[in-house]
Amino acid sequence: MKTSTTSIPSTEEFFASVADKSNAAESALRGDYRHADAQYVVQQDWDAYTPEQHARWRRLYQRQLQLVPGRACDEFIAGLTELDAADAIPHLEQASDTLFKATGWRLVAVPGLIPEHSFFEHLAHRRFPITVWLRDESEFDYIVEPDIFHDFFGHVPLLLNPVFADHMQEYGKGGLKAMGLNGLTQLARLYWYTIEFGLINSAQGLRAYGAGILSSGGEIEYCLSSPAPRRIRFEVERVMRTLYKIDSYQETYFVIDSFQQLLQDTAPDFTPLYAKLNGLPALPADSLLSGEINLPTS
């Protein structure tokens, strides 16, 4: 994954693209972007969080903490323990200090979703964007846009793992290159099926490492125990051809053997792969190809 120069969309183009992908009544992004800098970074006003919001964070955290044993990978649980953020919405600067000492990463506060170029730039420089707002009580079980709980609880613990941290940086570099190669659709599928909804083999069986799974109250069990979805061994080209659903549990999960495999398998230059995939039809989210094995749940 190597960087390249490409045109950078304006702020107006970013908001217009969000509106194009949304229903008219829901086209505005949730966050407050008025004070964001050129990279969409804001200050986390920690003192503005209410006692009710801290209490909601604790409830969200405790619910997930009870679900991760036996379902999350050991690396995630180790990172979660080191972060020690169960009692209140975390100070991102303080958590950054812990993260930087371990893997050289830092957290940056953002208003919410940010343009792809800015997102990739942050990752390429070992900065992970964290949304500053917390979901409302009515969104306790399901939220449309990622909030601080999803971003922090789901993503940050694994950034304490050196191999996974390196993969995230390489993904950011690859994203910058993909913008000039008509490869963002394929690269987004890779992110979705690994960083957000990936499974990993362990000595104890399948475990979750994707942030979308680990921050979910329901999918963390569904992905490992339900007979409905397919669980297929990870292969880069297969993943990049596969469509995904954003409004339901996944119909397919891809399984890696280790984070080292994820880093190595995504290391080659994707330029010829993008060219190949742009000439092939996408695969349905629920497909199982000839020769593929639907891995058992246990």
C-alpha atoms as a PDB file:
ATOM      1  CA  MET A   1       0.000   0.000   0.000  1.00  0.00           C
ATOM      2  CA  LYS A   2       1.708   3.207  -1.187  1.00  0.00           C
ATOM      3  CA  THR A   3       0.557   6.799  -1.276  1.00  0.00           C
ATOM      4  CA  SER A   4      -0.113   8.924  -4.323  1.00  0.00           C
ATOM      5  CA  THR A   5      -1.388  12.416  -4.995  1.00  0.00           C
ATOM      6  CA  THR A   6      -5.041  12.888  -5.948  1.00  0.00           C
ATOM      7  CA  SER A   7      -7.677  15.596  -5.887  1.00  0.00           C
ATOM      8  CA  ILE A   8      -9.000  16.429  -2.424  1.00  0.00           C
ATOM      9  CA  PRO A   9     -12.748  16.986  -2.157  1.00  0.00           C
ATOM     10  CA  SER A  10     -13.889  20.269  -0.645  1.00  0.00           C
ATOM     11  CA  THR A  11     -15.952  20.504   2.524  1.00  0.00           C
ATOM     12  CA  GLU A  12     -18.972  21.386   0.412  1.00  0.00           C
ATOM     13  CA  GLU A  13     -18.451  18.306  -1.769  1.00  0.00           C
ATOM     14  CA  PHE A  14     -18.197  16.129   1.331  1.00  0.00           C
ATOM     15  CA  PHE A  15     -21.498  17.327   2.764  1.00  0.00           C
ATOM     16  CA  ALA A  16     -23.136  17.057  -0.658  1.00  0.00           C
ATOM     17  CA  SER A  17     -21.979  13.454  -0.957  1.00  0.00           C
ATOM     18  CA  VAL A  18     -23.495  12.653   2.431  1.00  0.00           C
ATOM     19  CA  ALA A  19     -26.798  14.214   1.356  1.00  0.00           C
ATOM     20  CA  ASP A  20     -26.773  12.139  -1.848  1.00  0.00           C
ATOM     21  CA  LYS A  21     -26.486   8.944   0.199  1.00  0.00           C
ATOM     22  CA  SER A  22     -29.184   9.833   2.720  1.00  0.00           C
ATOM     23  CA  ASN A  23     -32.912  10.352   2.898  1.00  0.00           C
ATOM     24  CA  ALA A  24     -33.770  14.051   2.722  1.00  0.00           C
ATOM     25  CA  ALA A  25     -34.850  14.159   6.343  1.00  0.00           C
ATOM     26  CA  GLU A  26     -31.630  12.502   7.447  1.00  0.00           C
ATOM     27  CA  SER A  27     -29.069  14.122   5.175  1.00  0.00           C
ATOM     28  CA  ALA A  28     -27.352  16.275   7.787  1.00  0.00           C
ATOM     29  CA  LEU A  29     -24.490  14.796   9.741  1.00  0.00           C
ATOM     30  CA  ARG A  30     -24.982  14.581  13.488  1.00  0.00           C
ATOM     31  CA  GLY A  31     -21.826  16.324  14.689  1.00  0.00           C
ATOM     32  CA  ASP A  32     -20.977  19.997  15.092  1.00  0.00           C
ATOM     33  CA  TYR A  33     -18.446  20.799  12.345  1.00  0.00           C
ATOM     34  CA  ARG A  34     -18.299  24.576  12.882  1.00  0.00           C
ATOM     35  CA  HIS A  35     -15.036  24.551  14.860  1.00  0.00           C
ATOM     36  CA  ALA A  36     -13.237  21.736  13.026  1.00  0.00           C
ATOM     37  CA  ASP A  37      -9.846  22.501  11.521  1.00  0.00           C
ATOM     38  CA  ALA A  38      -8.665  21.603   8.005  1.00  0.00           C
ATOM     39  CA  GLN A  39      -8.287  17.951   9.043  1.00  0.00           C
ATOM     40  CA  TYR A  40     -11.681  17.964  10.803  1.00  0.00           C
ATOM     41  CA  VAL A  41     -10.085  17.862  14.253  1.00  0.00           C
ATOM     42  CA  VAL A  42     -11.925  19.501  17.155  1.00  0.00           C
ATOM     43  CA  GLN A  43     -11.313  19.890  20.860  1.00  0.00           C
ATOM     44  CA  GLN A  44     -12.974  17.322  23.078  1.00  0.00           C
ATOM     45  CA  ASP A  45     -14.933  19.414  25.572  1.00  0.00           C
ATOM     46  CA  TRP A  46     -14.897  16.723  28.243  1.00  0.00           C
ATOM     47  CA  ASP A  47     -16.461  18.982  30.879  1.00  0.00           C
ATOM     48  CA  ALA A  48     -19.548  19.390  28.674  1.00  0.00           C
ATOM     49  CA  TYR A  49     -20.524  15.726  29.032  1.00  0.00           C
ATOM     50  CA  THR A  50     -23.439  15.415  31.451  1.00  0.00           C
ATOM     51  CA  PRO A  51     -23.736  13.013  34.395  1.00  0.00           C
ATOM     52  CA  GLU A  52     -26.432  11.221  32.377  1.00  0.00           C
ATOM     53  CA  GLN A  53     -24.052  10.735  29.479  1.00  0.00           C
ATOM     54  CA  HIS A  54     -21.326   9.338  31.722  1.00  0.00           C
ATOM     55  CA  ALA A  55     -23.899   6.994  33.260  1.00  0.00           C
ATOM     56  CA  ARG A  56     -24.972   5.867  29.775  1.00  0.00           C
ATOM     57  CA  TRP A  57     -21.326   5.251  28.875  1.00  0.00           C
ATOM     58  CA  ARG A  58     -20.933   3.073  31.967  1.00  0.00           C
ATOM     59  CA  ARG A  59     -24.019   1.047  31.067  1.00  0.00           C
ATOM     60  CA  LEU A  60     -22.854   0.578  27.488  1.00  0.00           C
ATOM     61  CA  TYR A  61     -19.398  -0.392  28.683  1.00  0.00           C
ATOM     62  CA  GLN A  62     -20.630  -2.846  31.287  1.00  0.00           C
ATOM     63  CA  ARG A  63     -22.985  -4.515  28.826  1.00  0.00           C
ATOM     64  CA  GLN A  64     -20.182  -5.113  26.353  1.00  0.00           C
ATOM     65  CA  LEU A  65     -17.714  -6.063  29.070  1.00  0.00           C
ATOM     66  CA  GLN A  66     -19.997  -8.936  30.035  1.00  0.00           C
ATOM     67  CA  LEU A  67     -20.236 -10.082  26.410  1.00  0.00           C
ATOM     68  CA  VAL A  68     -16.602 -10.053  25.273  1.00  0.00           C
ATOM     69  CA  PRO A  69     -15.215 -13.017  27.318  1.00  0.00           C
ATOM     70  CA  GLY A  70     -15.198 -16.058  25.063  1.00  0.00           C
ATOM     71  CA  ARG A  71     -16.237 -13.945  22.056  1.00  0.00           C
ATOM     72  CA  ALA A  72     -13.557 -11.256  21.584  1.00  0.00           C
ATOM     73  CA  CYS A  73      -9.971 -12.097  20.682  1.00  0.00           C
ATOM     74  CA  ASP A  74      -7.393 -12.056  23.471  1.00  0.00           C
ATOM     75  CA  GLU A  75      -5.582  -9.068  21.975  1.00  0.00           C
ATOM     76  CA  PHE A  76      -8.730  -6.960  22.215  1.00  0.00           C
ATOM     77  CA  ILE A  77      -9.411  -7.955  25.814  1.00  0.00           C
ATOM     78  CA  ALA A  78      -5.805  -7.169  26.766  1.00  0.00           C
ATOM     79  CA  GLY A  79      -6.087  -3.708  25.203  1.00  0.00           C
ATOM     80  CA  LEU A  80      -9.431  -3.064  26.863  1.00  0.00           C
ATOM     81  CA  THR A  81      -7.929  -3.887  30.246  1.00  0.00           C
ATOM     82  CA  GLU A  82      -4.985  -1.570  29.688  1.00  0.00           C
ATOM     83  CA  LEU A  83      -7.197   1.365  28.687  1.00  0.00           C
ATOM     84  CA  ASP A  84      -9.293   1.071  31.880  1.00  0.00           C
ATOM     85  CA  ALA A  85     -12.119   3.308  30.638  1.00  0.00           C
ATOM     86  CA  ALA A  86     -15.143   1.752  32.320  1.00  0.00           C
ATOM     87  CA  ASP A  87     -16.049   4.540  34.737  1.00  0.00           C
ATOM     88  CA  ALA A  88     -16.663   7.532  32.468  1.00  0.00           C
ATOM     89  CA  ILE A  89     -16.360   8.823  28.916  1.00  0.00           C
ATOM     90  CA  PRO A  90     -12.590   8.832  28.438  1.00  0.00           C
ATOM     91  CA  HIS A  91     -10.319  11.842  28.077  1.00  0.00           C
ATOM     92  CA  LEU A  92      -8.937  11.257  24.597  1.00  0.00           C
ATOM     93  CA  GLU A  93      -5.630  12.995  25.331  1.00  0.00           C
ATOM     94  CA  GLN A  94      -5.020  10.763  28.342  1.00  0.00           C
ATOM     95  CA  ALA A  95      -5.868   7.630  26.371  1.00  0.00           C
ATOM     96  CA  SER A  96      -3.550   8.881  23.622  1.00  0.00           C
ATOM     97  CA  ASP A  97      -0.643   8.903  26.046  1.00  0.00           C
ATOM     98  CA  THR A  98      -1.203   5.223  26.823  1.00  0.00           C
ATOM     99  CA  LEU A  99      -1.568   4.418  23.138  1.00  0.00           C
ATOM    100  CA  PHE A 100       1.489   6.396  22.055  1.00  0.00           C
ATOM    101  CA  LYS A 101       3.734   4.630  24.565  1.00  0.00           C
ATOM    102  CA  ALA A 102       2.590   1.251  23.235  1.00  0.00           C
ATOM    103  CA  THR A 103       2.459   1.682  19.454  1.00  0.00           C
ATOM    104  CA  GLY A 104       3.064   5.331  18.559  1.00  0.00           C
ATOM    105  CA  TRP A 105      -0.591   6.053  17.790  1.00  0.00           C
ATOM    106  CA  ARG A 106      -2.627   9.008  18.995  1.00  0.00           C
ATOM    107  CA  LEU A 107      -6.350   9.735  19.094  1.00  0.00           C
ATOM    108  CA  VAL A 108      -7.816  12.855  17.506  1.00  0.00           C
ATOM    109  CA  ALA A 109     -11.273  14.182  18.310  1.00  0.00           C
ATOM    110  CA  VAL A 110     -13.579  14.734  15.321  1.00  0.00           C
ATOM    111  CA  PRO A 111     -17.207  15.906  15.044  1.00  0.00           C
ATOM    112  CA  GLY A 112     -18.379  12.667  13.427  1.00  0.00           C
ATOM    113  CA  LEU A 113     -17.941  11.160   9.991  1.00  0.00           C
ATOM    114  CA  ILE A 114     -15.171  12.877   8.038  1.00  0.00           C
ATOM    115  CA  PRO A 115     -14.132  12.840   4.355  1.00  0.00           C
ATOM    116  CA  GLU A 116     -12.225   9.822   3.123  1.00  0.00           C
ATOM    117  CA  HIS A 117      -9.064  11.787   2.348  1.00  0.00           C
ATOM    118  CA  SER A 118      -8.880  13.222   5.873  1.00  0.00           C
ATOM    119  CA  PHE A 119      -9.622   9.824   7.384  1.00  0.00           C
ATOM    120  CA  PHE A 120      -6.857   8.157   5.393  1.00  0.00           C
ATOM    121  CA  GLU A 121      -4.430  10.975   6.183  1.00  0.00           C
ATOM    122  CA  HIS A 122      -4.996  10.479   9.899  1.00  0.00           C
ATOM    123  CA  LEU A 123      -4.496   6.726   9.704  1.00  0.00           C
ATOM    124  CA  ALA A 124      -1.392   7.083   7.531  1.00  0.00           C
ATOM    125  CA  HIS A 125       0.153   9.250  10.263  1.00  0.00           C
ATOM    126  CA  ARG A 126      -0.924   6.947  13.117  1.00  0.00           C
ATOM    127  CA  ARG A 127      -3.807   9.109  14.276  1.00  0.00           C
ATOM    128  CA  PHE A 128      -7.189   7.521  14.876  1.00  0.00           C
ATOM    129  CA  PRO A 129     -10.269   9.792  14.601  1.00  0.00           C
ATOM    130  CA  ILE A 130     -12.721   9.492  17.497  1.00  0.00           C
ATOM    131  CA  THR A 131     -16.207  11.003  17.329  1.00  0.00           C
ATOM    132  CA  VAL A 132     -16.819  13.256  20.331  1.00  0.00           C
ATOM    133  CA  TRP A 133     -20.569  12.832  20.820  1.00  0.00           C
ATOM    134  CA  LEU A 134     -22.331   9.956  22.597  1.00  0.00           C
ATOM    135  CA  ARG A 135     -25.522   8.308  21.371  1.00  0.00           C
ATOM    136  CA  ASP A 136     -28.874   9.208  22.927  1.00  0.00           C
ATOM    137  CA  GLU A 137     -30.752   6.851  25.222  1.00  0.00           C
ATOM    138  CA  SER A 138     -33.122   5.935  22.378  1.00  0.00           C
ATOM    139  CA  GLU A 139     -30.087   4.721  20.403  1.00  0.00           C
ATOM    140  CA  PHE A 140     -28.698   2.535  23.158  1.00  0.00           C
ATOM    141  CA  ASP A 141     -29.032  -0.665  21.118  1.00  0.00           C
ATOM    142  CA  TYR A 142     -28.666   0.688  17.579  1.00  0.00           C
ATOM    143  CA  ILE A 143     -27.071   3.796  16.123  1.00  0.00           C
ATOM    144  CA  VAL A 144     -26.732   4.919  12.502  1.00  0.00           C
ATOM    145  CA  GLU A 145     -23.557   7.041  12.717  1.00  0.00           C
ATOM    146  CA  PRO A 146     -20.568   5.879  14.781  1.00  0.00           C
ATOM    147  CA  ASP A 147     -20.358   7.626  18.163  1.00  0.00           C
ATOM    148  CA  ILE A 148     -17.595   7.846  20.754  1.00  0.00           C
ATOM    149  CA  PHE A 149     -18.558   4.500  22.258  1.00  0.00           C
ATOM    150  CA  HIS A 150     -18.264   2.646  18.974  1.00  0.00           C
ATOM    151  CA  ASP A 151     -15.039   4.419  18.031  1.00  0.00           C
ATOM    152  CA  PHE A 152     -13.325   4.083  21.390  1.00  0.00           C
ATOM    153  CA  PHE A 153     -14.559   0.750  22.733  1.00  0.00           C
ATOM    154  CA  GLY A 154     -14.589  -0.975  19.360  1.00  0.00           C
ATOM    155  CA  HIS A 155     -11.401   0.335  17.728  1.00  0.00           C
ATOM    156  CA  VAL A 156      -8.905   1.638  20.266  1.00  0.00           C
ATOM    157  CA  PRO A 157      -8.056  -1.534  22.260  1.00  0.00           C
ATOM    158  CA  LEU A 158      -6.556  -3.269  19.214  1.00  0.00           C
ATOM    159  CA  LEU A 159      -4.429  -0.223  18.406  1.00  0.00           C
ATOM    160  CA  LEU A 160      -2.370  -1.294  21.411  1.00  0.00           C
ATOM    161  CA  ASN A 161      -1.392  -4.407  19.448  1.00  0.00           C
ATOM    162  CA  PRO A 162       1.746  -3.618  17.377  1.00  0.00           C
ATOM    163  CA  VAL A 163       0.859  -5.748  14.351  1.00  0.00           C
ATOM    164  CA  PHE A 164      -2.723  -4.536  14.107  1.00  0.00           C
ATOM    165  CA  ALA A 165      -1.545  -0.963  14.652  1.00  0.00           C
ATOM    166  CA  ASP A 166       0.857  -1.306  11.717  1.00  0.00           C
ATOM    167  CA  HIS A 167      -1.936  -2.697   9.541  1.00  0.00           C
ATOM    168  CA  MET A 168      -4.148   0.292  10.306  1.00  0.00           C
ATOM    169  CA  GLN A 169      -1.411   2.689   9.247  1.00  0.00           C
ATOM    170  CA  GLU A 170      -0.828   0.780   6.025  1.00  0.00           C
ATOM    171  CA  TYR A 171      -4.550   0.829   5.353  1.00  0.00           C
ATOM    172  CA  GLY A 172      -4.494   4.619   5.610  1.00  0.00           C
ATOM    173  CA  LYS A 173      -1.604   4.830   3.154  1.00  0.00           C
ATOM    174  CA  GLY A 174      -3.417   2.476   0.813  1.00  0.00           C
ATOM    175  CA  GLY A 175      -6.563   4.572   1.052  1.00  0.00           C
ATOM    176  CA  LEU A 176      -4.738   7.666  -0.169  1.00  0.00           C
ATOM    177  CA  LYS A 177      -3.473   5.707  -3.150  1.00  0.00           C
ATOM    178  CA  ALA A 178      -6.857   4.125  -3.893  1.00  0.00           C
ATOM    179  CA  MET A 179      -8.428   7.559  -4.315  1.00  0.00           C
ATOM    180  CA  GLY A 180      -6.520   7.994  -7.565  1.00  0.00           C
ATOM    181  CA  LEU A 181      -7.083   4.449  -8.804  1.00  0.00           C
ATOM    182  CA  ASN A 182     -10.870   4.078  -8.673  1.00  0.00           C
ATOM    183  CA  GLY A 183     -10.366   1.636  -5.818  1.00  0.00           C
ATOM    184  CA  LEU A 184     -12.311   3.136  -2.920  1.00  0.00           C
ATOM    185  CA  THR A 185     -15.310   0.832  -3.318  1.00  0.00           C
ATOM    186  CA  GLN A 186     -13.125  -2.261  -3.072  1.00  0.00           C
ATOM    187  CA  LEU A 187     -11.022  -0.841  -0.237  1.00  0.00           C
ATOM    188  CA  ALA A 188     -14.167   0.042   1.716  1.00  0.00           C
ATOM    189  CA  ARG A 189     -15.244  -3.600   1.511  1.00  0.00           C
ATOM    190  CA  LEU A 190     -11.883  -4.649   2.920  1.00  0.00           C
ATOM    191  CA  TYR A 191     -12.315  -2.251   5.852  1.00  0.00           C
ATOM    192  CA  TRP A 192     -15.873  -3.395   6.452  1.00  0.00           C
ATOM    193  CA  TYR A 193     -15.129  -7.110   6.490  1.00  0.00           C
ATOM    194  CA  THR A 194     -11.948  -6.846   8.569  1.00  0.00           C
ATOM    195  CA  ILE A 195     -11.587  -3.767  10.763  1.00  0.00           C
ATOM    196  CA  GLU A 196     -15.335  -3.480  11.356  1.00  0.00           C
ATOM    197  CA  PHE A 197     -16.669  -7.034  11.101  1.00  0.00           C
ATOM    198  CA  GLY A 198     -13.714  -9.416  11.062  1.00  0.00           C
ATOM    199  CA  LEU A 199     -13.358 -12.776  12.789  1.00  0.00           C
ATOM    200  CA  ILE A 200     -10.093 -14.464  13.749  1.00  0.00           C
ATOM    201  CA  ASN A 201      -9.122 -18.046  14.471  1.00  0.00           C
ATOM    202  CA  SER A 202      -7.734 -18.723  17.923  1.00  0.00           C
ATOM    203  CA  ALA A 203      -6.694 -21.772  19.886  1.00  0.00           C
ATOM    204  CA  GLN A 204     -10.089 -21.578  21.588  1.00  0.00           C
ATOM    205  CA  GLY A 205     -12.094 -21.227  18.355  1.00  0.00           C
ATOM    206  CA  LEU A 206     -13.443 -18.329  16.348  1.00  0.00           C
ATOM    207  CA  ARG A 207     -13.284 -14.918  17.994  1.00  0.00           C
ATOM    208  CA  ALA A 208     -14.328 -11.415  16.936  1.00  0.00           C
ATOM    209  CA  TYR A 209     -11.906  -8.557  16.341  1.00  0.00           C
ATOM    210  CA  GLY A 210     -14.046  -6.183  14.245  1.00  0.00           C
ATOM    211  CA  ALA A 211     -15.134  -2.997  15.995  1.00  0.00           C
ATOM    212  CA  GLY A 212     -18.671  -3.161  14.644  1.00  0.00           C
ATOM    213  CA  ILE A 213     -19.088  -6.552  16.271  1.00  0.00           C
ATOM    214  CA  LEU A 214     -17.306  -5.761  19.526  1.00  0.00           C
ATOM    215  CA  SER A 215     -19.359  -2.617  20.180  1.00  0.00           C
ATOM    216  CA  SER A 216     -22.674  -4.314  19.358  1.00  0.00           C
ATOM    217  CA  GLY A 217     -24.948  -5.784  21.979  1.00  0.00           C
ATOM    218  CA  GLY A 218     -26.385  -8.384  19.612  1.00  0.00           C
ATOM    219  CA  GLU A 219     -24.001  -9.095  16.750  1.00  0.00           C
ATOM    220  CA  ILE A 220     -21.175 -10.115  19.069  1.00  0.00           C
ATOM    221  CA  GLU A 221     -23.113 -13.290  19.858  1.00  0.00           C
ATOM    222  CA  TYR A 222     -24.825 -13.680  16.493  1.00  0.00           C
ATOM    223  CA  CYS A 223     -21.585 -13.707  14.480  1.00  0.00           C
ATOM    224  CA  LEU A 224     -20.208 -16.661  16.424  1.00  0.00           C
ATOM    225  CA  SER A 225     -23.265 -18.764  17.257  1.00  0.00           C
ATOM    226  CA  SER A 226     -25.995 -18.210  14.661  1.00  0.00           C
ATOM    227  CA  PRO A 227     -26.232 -20.843  11.885  1.00  0.00           C
ATOM    228  CA  ALA A 228     -27.529 -18.193   9.451  1.00  0.00           C
ATOM    229  CA  PRO A 229     -24.380 -16.358   8.242  1.00  0.00           C
ATOM    230  CA  ARG A 230     -21.463 -17.760   6.284  1.00  0.00           C
ATOM    231  CA  ARG A 231     -17.989 -17.761   7.830  1.00  0.00           C
ATOM    232  CA  ILE A 232     -15.373 -17.947   5.084  1.00  0.00           C
ATOM    233  CA  ARG A 233     -11.591 -17.940   5.176  1.00  0.00           C
ATOM    234  CA  PHE A 234     -10.117 -14.531   4.391  1.00  0.00           C
ATOM    235  CA  GLU A 235      -8.853 -13.912   0.880  1.00  0.00           C
ATOM    236  CA  VAL A 236      -8.230 -10.350  -0.287  1.00  0.00           C
ATOM    237  CA  GLU A 237      -9.758 -10.527  -3.764  1.00  0.00           C
ATOM    238  CA  ARG A 238     -12.830 -12.372  -2.497  1.00  0.00           C
ATOM    239  CA  VAL A 239     -13.407  -9.791   0.224  1.00  0.00           C
ATOM    240  CA  MET A 240     -12.988  -6.872  -2.155  1.00  0.00           C
ATOM    241  CA  ARG A 241     -15.646  -8.291  -4.502  1.00  0.00           C
ATOM    242  CA  THR A 242     -18.232  -8.866  -1.800  1.00  0.00           C
ATOM    243  CA  LEU A 243     -21.116  -6.491  -1.133  1.00  0.00           C
ATOM    244  CA  TYR A 244     -22.175  -5.808   2.455  1.00  0.00           C
ATOM    245  CA  LYS A 245     -25.231  -4.702   4.408  1.00  0.00           C
ATOM    246  CA  ILE A 246     -25.138  -1.608   6.613  1.00  0.00           C
ATOM    247  CA  ASP A 247     -28.571  -1.981   8.204  1.00  0.00           C
ATOM    248  CA  SER A 248     -28.574  -5.590   9.410  1.00  0.00           C
ATOM    249  CA  TYR A 249     -26.307  -8.231  10.866  1.00  0.00           C
ATOM    250  CA  GLN A 250     -23.781  -9.463   8.336  1.00  0.00           C
ATOM    251  CA  GLU A 251     -24.649 -12.344   6.037  1.00  0.00           C
ATOM    252  CA  THR A 252     -20.980 -13.270   5.650  1.00  0.00           C
ATOM    253  CA  TYR A 253     -17.948 -12.966   7.928  1.00  0.00           C
ATOM    254  CA  PHE A 254     -14.366 -13.464   6.758  1.00  0.00           C
ATOM    255  CA  VAL A 255     -11.920 -15.260   9.044  1.00  0.00           C
ATOM    256  CA  ILE A 256      -8.195 -14.526   9.373  1.00  0.00           C
ATOM    257  CA  ASP A 257      -5.704 -16.804  11.119  1.00  0.00           C
ATOM    258  CA  SER A 258      -3.674 -13.979  12.658  1.00  0.00           C
ATOM    259  CA  PHE A 259      -3.094 -10.243  12.491  1.00  0.00           C
ATOM    260  CA  GLN A 260       0.235 -10.997  10.855  1.00  0.00           C
ATOM    261  CA  GLN A 261      -1.675 -12.678   8.018  1.00  0.00           C
ATOM    262  CA  LEU A 262      -3.888  -9.600   7.677  1.00  0.00           C
ATOM    263  CA  LEU A 263      -0.838  -7.329   7.490  1.00  0.00           C
ATOM    264  CA  GLN A 264       1.012  -9.531   5.002  1.00  0.00           C
ATOM    265  CA  ASP A 265      -1.947 -10.329   2.732  1.00  0.00           C
ATOM    266  CA  THR A 266      -2.828  -6.635   2.334  1.00  0.00           C
ATOM    267  CA  ALA A 267       0.778  -5.480   1.850  1.00  0.00           C
ATOM    268  CA  PRO A 268       1.096  -5.948  -1.961  1.00  0.00           C
ATOM    269  CA  ASP A 269       0.405  -3.102  -4.383  1.00  0.00           C
ATOM    270  CA  PHE A 270      -3.342  -3.177  -5.104  1.00  0.00           C
ATOM    271  CA  THR A 271      -3.065  -1.275  -8.410  1.00  0.00           C
ATOM    272  CA  PRO A 272      -3.480  -4.339 -10.686  1.00  0.00           C
ATOM    273  CA  LEU A 273      -6.127  -5.769  -8.357  1.00  0.00           C
ATOM    274  CA  TYR A 274      -8.279  -2.648  -8.612  1.00  0.00           C
ATOM    275  CA  ALA A 275      -8.045  -2.804 -12.399  1.00  0.00           C
ATOM    276  CA  LYS A 276      -9.099  -6.450 -12.361  1.00  0.00           C
ATOM    277  CA  LEU A 277     -11.948  -6.007  -9.893  1.00  0.00           C
ATOM    278  CA  ASN A 278     -13.392  -3.008 -11.712  1.00  0.00           C
ATOM    279  CA  GLY A 279     -14.015  -5.367 -14.623  1.00  0.00           C
ATOM    280  CA  LEU A 280     -15.753  -8.039 -12.526  1.00  0.00           C
ATOM    281  CA  PRO A 281     -19.269  -8.084 -11.061  1.00  0.00           C
ATOM    282  CA  ALA A 282     -19.633  -7.725  -7.318  1.00  0.00           C
ATOM    283  CA  LEU A 283     -20.641 -10.785  -5.320  1.00  0.00           C
ATOM    284  CA  PRO A 284     -23.809 -10.839  -3.193  1.00  0.00           C
ATOM    285  CA  ALA A 285     -23.313 -10.479   0.541  1.00  0.00           C
ATOM    286  CA  ASP A 286     -24.745 -13.954   1.129  1.00  0.00           C
ATOM    287  CA  SER A 287     -22.773 -15.858  -1.511  1.00  0.00           C
ATOM    288  CA  LEU A 288     -20.775 -19.041  -1.004  1.00  0.00           C
ATOM    289  CA  LEU A 289     -18.621 -19.859  -4.000  1.00  0.00           C
ATOM    290  CA  SER A 290     -17.737 -23.282  -5.323  1.00  0.00           C
ATOM    291  CA  GLY A 291     -14.899 -24.753  -3.270  1.00  0.00           C
ATOM    292  CA  GLU A 292     -15.425 -22.430  -0.304  1.00  0.00           C
ATOM    293  CA  ILE A 293     -16.074 -23.880   3.128  1.00  0.00           C
ATOM    294  CA  ASN A 294     -18.600 -22.419   5.519  1.00  0.00           C
ATOM    295  CA  LEU A 295     -16.585 -22.740   8.712  1.00  0.00           C
ATOM    296  CA  PRO A 296     -18.304 -24.279  11.735  1.00  0.00           C
ATOM    297  CA  THR A 297     -19.205 -22.062  14.683  1.00  0.00           C
ATOM    298  CA  SER A 298     -17.173 -24.198  17.081  1.00  0.00           C
END
